[in-house]
C-alpha atoms as a PDB file:
ATOM      1  CA  UNK A   1      -0.036   0.196   0.042  1.00  0.00           C
ATOM      2  CA  UNK A   2       2.930   2.227  -0.073  1.00  0.00           C
ATOM      3  CA  UNK A   3       3.484   5.059  -2.743  1.00  0.00           C
ATOM      4  CA  UNK A   4      -0.412   5.403  -2.756  1.00  0.00           C
ATOM      5  CA  UNK A   5      -1.063   8.953  -3.712  1.00  0.00           C
ATOM      6  CA  UNK A   6      -4.440  10.943  -3.693  1.00  0.00           C
ATOM      7  CA  UNK A   7      -3.441  12.354  -7.434  1.00  0.00           C
ATOM      8  CA  UNK A   8      -3.957   8.187  -8.224  1.00  0.00           C
ATOM      9  CA  UNK A   9      -7.635   8.613  -8.442  1.00  0.00           C
ATOM     10  CA  UNK A  10      -9.116   4.996  -7.735  1.00  0.00           C
ATOM     11  CA  UNK A  11      -7.100   5.234  -4.546  1.00  0.00           C
ATOM     12  CA  UNK A  12      -9.665   5.158  -1.175  1.00  0.00           C
ATOM     13  CA  UNK A  13      -6.524   5.332   0.779  1.00  0.00           C
ATOM     14  CA  UNK A  14      -3.872   7.640   0.960  1.00  0.00           C
ATOM     15  CA  UNK A  15       0.096   6.354   2.493  1.00  0.00           C
ATOM     16  CA  UNK A  16       3.193   8.455   2.408  1.00  0.00           C
ATOM     17  CA  UNK A  17       6.046   5.666   3.797  1.00  0.00           C
ATOM     18  CA  UNK A  18       7.267   2.638   3.666  1.00  0.00           C
ATOM     19  CA  UNK A  19       6.887   2.773   7.617  1.00  0.00           C
ATOM     20  CA  UNK A  20       3.510   4.021   7.868  1.00  0.00           C
ATOM     21  CA  UNK A  21       1.143   1.556   9.640  1.00  0.00           C
ATOM     22  CA  UNK A  22      -2.006   3.730   9.318  1.00  0.00           C
ATOM     23  CA  UNK A  23      -3.510   5.159   6.217  1.00  0.00           C
ATOM     24  CA  UNK A  24      -5.956   8.149   5.492  1.00  0.00           C
ATOM     25  CA  UNK A  25      -9.362   7.359   4.151  1.00  0.00           C
ATOM     26  CA  UNK A  26      -9.864   9.606   1.136  1.00  0.00           C
ATOM     27  CA  UNK A  27     -13.331   8.356   1.233  1.00  0.00           C
ATOM     28  CA  UNK A  28     -15.693   6.748   3.656  1.00  0.00           C
ATOM     29  CA  UNK A  29     -14.435   3.072   3.852  1.00  0.00           C
ATOM     30  CA  UNK A  30     -17.255   0.509   4.305  1.00  0.00           C
ATOM     31  CA  UNK A  31     -16.629  -2.928   6.364  1.00  0.00           C
ATOM     32  CA  UNK A  32     -15.356  -5.809   4.094  1.00  0.00           C
ATOM     33  CA  UNK A  33     -13.452  -3.604   1.741  1.00  0.00           C
ATOM     34  CA  UNK A  34     -10.422  -4.972   0.671  1.00  0.00           C
ATOM     35  CA  UNK A  35      -7.881  -2.462   0.217  1.00  0.00           C
ATOM     36  CA  UNK A  36      -5.132  -3.538  -2.252  1.00  0.00           C
ATOM     37  CA  UNK A  37      -1.416  -2.361  -2.388  1.00  0.00           C
ATOM     38  CA  UNK A  38       2.409  -2.931  -2.309  1.00  0.00           C
ATOM     39  CA  UNK A  39       2.454  -4.440   1.231  1.00  0.00           C
ATOM     40  CA  UNK A  40      -0.695  -6.904   0.679  1.00  0.00           C
ATOM     41  CA  UNK A  41      -4.272  -6.815   0.969  1.00  0.00           C
ATOM     42  CA  UNK A  42      -6.235  -5.138   3.843  1.00  0.00           C
ATOM     43  CA  UNK A  43      -9.783  -5.930   4.814  1.00  0.00           C
ATOM     44  CA  UNK A  44     -11.831  -3.416   6.086  1.00  0.00           C
ATOM     45  CA  UNK A  45     -12.878  -4.400   9.657  1.00  0.00           C
ATOM     46  CA  UNK A  46     -14.722  -0.957  10.794  1.00  0.00           C
ATOM     47  CA  UNK A  47     -16.731   1.872   9.125  1.00  0.00           C
ATOM     48  CA  UNK A  48     -14.094   4.658   8.425  1.00  0.00           C
ATOM     49  CA  UNK A  49     -15.268   7.958   7.692  1.00  0.00           C
ATOM     50  CA  UNK A  50     -13.141   9.922   5.000  1.00  0.00           C
ATOM     51  CA  UNK A  51      -9.975  11.452   6.798  1.00  0.00           C
ATOM     52  CA  UNK A  52      -9.760   9.045   9.598  1.00  0.00           C
ATOM     53  CA  UNK A  53      -6.911   6.542   9.717  1.00  0.00           C
ATOM     54  CA  UNK A  54      -7.171   2.525   8.973  1.00  0.00           C
ATOM     55  CA  UNK A  55      -5.039   0.405  10.346  1.00  0.00           C
ATOM     56  CA  UNK A  56      -2.359  -1.506   7.767  1.00  0.00           C
ATOM     57  CA  UNK A  57      -0.828  -3.852  10.343  1.00  0.00           C
ATOM     58  CA  UNK A  58      -1.481  -5.039  13.631  1.00  0.00           C
ATOM     59  CA  UNK A  59      -0.572  -2.394  15.787  1.00  0.00           C
ATOM     60  CA  UNK A  60       0.449  -3.611  19.828  1.00  0.00           C
ATOM     61  CA  UNK A  61      -0.744  -2.017  22.799  1.00  0.00           C
ATOM     62  CA  UNK A  62       1.928   1.199  23.508  1.00  0.00           C
ATOM     63  CA  UNK A  63       3.238   1.044  20.009  1.00  0.00           C
ATOM     64  CA  UNK A  64       3.933   4.051  18.082  1.00  0.00           C
ATOM     65  CA  UNK A  65       1.048   4.390  15.388  1.00  0.00           C
ATOM     66  CA  UNK A  66       2.783   6.173  12.415  1.00  0.00           C
ATOM     67  CA  UNK A  67       1.302   8.303   9.859  1.00  0.00           C
ATOM     68  CA  UNK A  68       2.851   9.854   6.964  1.00  0.00           C
ATOM     69  CA  UNK A  69       6.288   8.884   8.255  1.00  0.00           C
ATOM     70  CA  UNK A  70       5.920   9.840  11.728  1.00  0.00           C
ATOM     71  CA  UNK A  71       4.514   8.884  15.456  1.00  0.00           C
ATOM     72  CA  UNK A  72       1.079  10.632  15.680  1.00  0.00           C
ATOM     73  CA  UNK A  73       0.175   8.310  19.103  1.00  0.00           C
ATOM     74  CA  UNK A  74       0.598   5.453  20.818  1.00  0.00           C
ATOM     75  CA  UNK A  75      -1.930   2.601  20.569  1.00  0.00           C
ATOM     76  CA  UNK A  76      -4.276   2.409  23.363  1.00  0.00           C
ATOM     77  CA  UNK A  77      -5.130  -1.295  23.051  1.00  0.00           C
ATOM     78  CA  UNK A  78      -4.677  -3.967  20.238  1.00  0.00           C
ATOM     79  CA  UNK A  79      -5.631  -2.421  16.838  1.00  0.00           C
ATOM     80  CA  UNK A  80      -6.032  -5.188  13.741  1.00  0.00           C
ATOM     81  CA  UNK A  81      -5.234  -4.833  10.363  1.00  0.00           C
ATOM     82  CA  UNK A  82      -8.534  -2.880   8.625  1.00  0.00           C
ATOM     83  CA  UNK A  83      -9.593  -1.738  12.157  1.00  0.00           C
ATOM     84  CA  UNK A  84     -10.677   2.473  12.629  1.00  0.00           C
ATOM     85  CA  UNK A  85      -7.826   4.564  13.781  1.00  0.00           C
ATOM     86  CA  UNK A  86      -8.656   7.610  16.024  1.00  0.00           C
ATOM     87  CA  UNK A  87      -9.446   8.735  19.533  1.00  0.00           C
ATOM     88  CA  UNK A  88     -11.212   5.834  20.966  1.00  0.00           C
ATOM     89  CA  UNK A  89      -7.687   3.864  20.531  1.00  0.00           C
ATOM     90  CA  UNK A  90      -4.774   6.230  19.980  1.00  0.00           C
ATOM     91  CA  UNK A  91      -3.369   8.619  22.643  1.00  0.00           C
ATOM     92  CA  UNK A  92      -1.706  11.699  21.615  1.00  0.00           C
ATOM     93  CA  UNK A  93      -0.802  15.174  23.116  1.00  0.00           C
ATOM     94  CA  UNK A  94      -0.506  16.170  19.119  1.00  0.00           C
ATOM     95  CA  UNK A  95      -2.898  18.484  18.253  1.00  0.00           C
ATOM     96  CA  UNK A  96      -4.352  18.918  21.460  1.00  0.00           C
ATOM     97  CA  UNK A  97      -4.588  22.757  22.159  1.00  0.00           C
ATOM     98  CA  UNK A  98      -6.148  21.636  25.618  1.00  0.00           C
ATOM     99  CA  UNK A  99      -3.055  20.301  26.676  1.00  0.00           C
ATOM    100  CA  UNK A 100      -1.199  23.102  24.813  1.00  0.00           C
ATOM    101  CA  UNK A 101      -2.984  25.800  27.205  1.00  0.00           C
ATOM    102  CA  UNK A 102      -2.873  23.938  30.400  1.00  0.00           C
ATOM    103  CA  UNK A 103       1.092  23.696  30.046  1.00  0.00           C
ATOM    104  CA  UNK A 104       1.312  27.507  29.216  1.00  0.00           C
ATOM    105  CA  UNK A 105      -0.997  28.813  32.305  1.00  0.00           C
ATOM    106  CA  UNK A 106       1.300  29.825  34.849  1.00  0.00           C
ATOM    107  CA  UNK A 107       0.608  28.664  38.259  1.00  0.00           C
ATOM    108  CA  UNK A 108      -0.910  31.480  40.295  1.00  0.00           C
ATOM    109  CA  UNK A 109      -2.104  31.474  44.151  1.00  0.00           C
ATOM    110  CA  UNK A 110      -4.282  34.500  43.889  1.00  0.00           C
ATOM    111  CA  UNK A 111      -5.349  37.356  41.736  1.00  0.00           C
ATOM    112  CA  UNK A 112      -3.314  38.990  39.991  1.00  0.00           C
ATOM    113  CA  UNK A 113      -4.145  42.275  40.732  1.00  0.00           C
ATOM    114  CA  UNK A 114      -6.284  43.637  43.266  1.00  0.00           C
ATOM    115  CA  UNK A 115      -7.419  46.920  44.083  1.00  0.00           C
ATOM    116  CA  UNK A 116      -5.276  48.568  46.776  1.00  0.00           C
ATOM    117  CA  UNK A 117      -8.476  50.048  48.472  1.00  0.00           C
ATOM    118  CA  UNK A 118      -6.290  53.069  49.180  1.00  0.00           C
ATOM    119  CA  UNK A 119      -3.795  51.346  51.478  1.00  0.00           C
ATOM    120  CA  UNK A 120      -0.629  52.729  49.673  1.00  0.00           C
ATOM    121  CA  UNK A 121      -1.952  55.854  49.721  1.00  0.00           C
END
């Protein structure tokens, strides 16, 4: 499945790197659909929405999920070939604005500014 590009009509997924263990769906994929490619065929197990990921290989719990040649997180449970890969089975800090904002918030015990109410006059 490596080398499958969006510019190649008829391919329902995109894989950028030979090391990828997931592919991105270019269209909705129904269970039972067979995805054929250079690395062999994978049968879709779950409904995969357009833009979501489908596993190309088994990914063990704690193992890296690789998309476009880069780790995008770790599997939180076993992911079988053809399974939907998303937030229900991958843990990642990537793209988590809530976590980034929490890291940037200073730890403040009290209010930053209070009226002096004439105390310093």
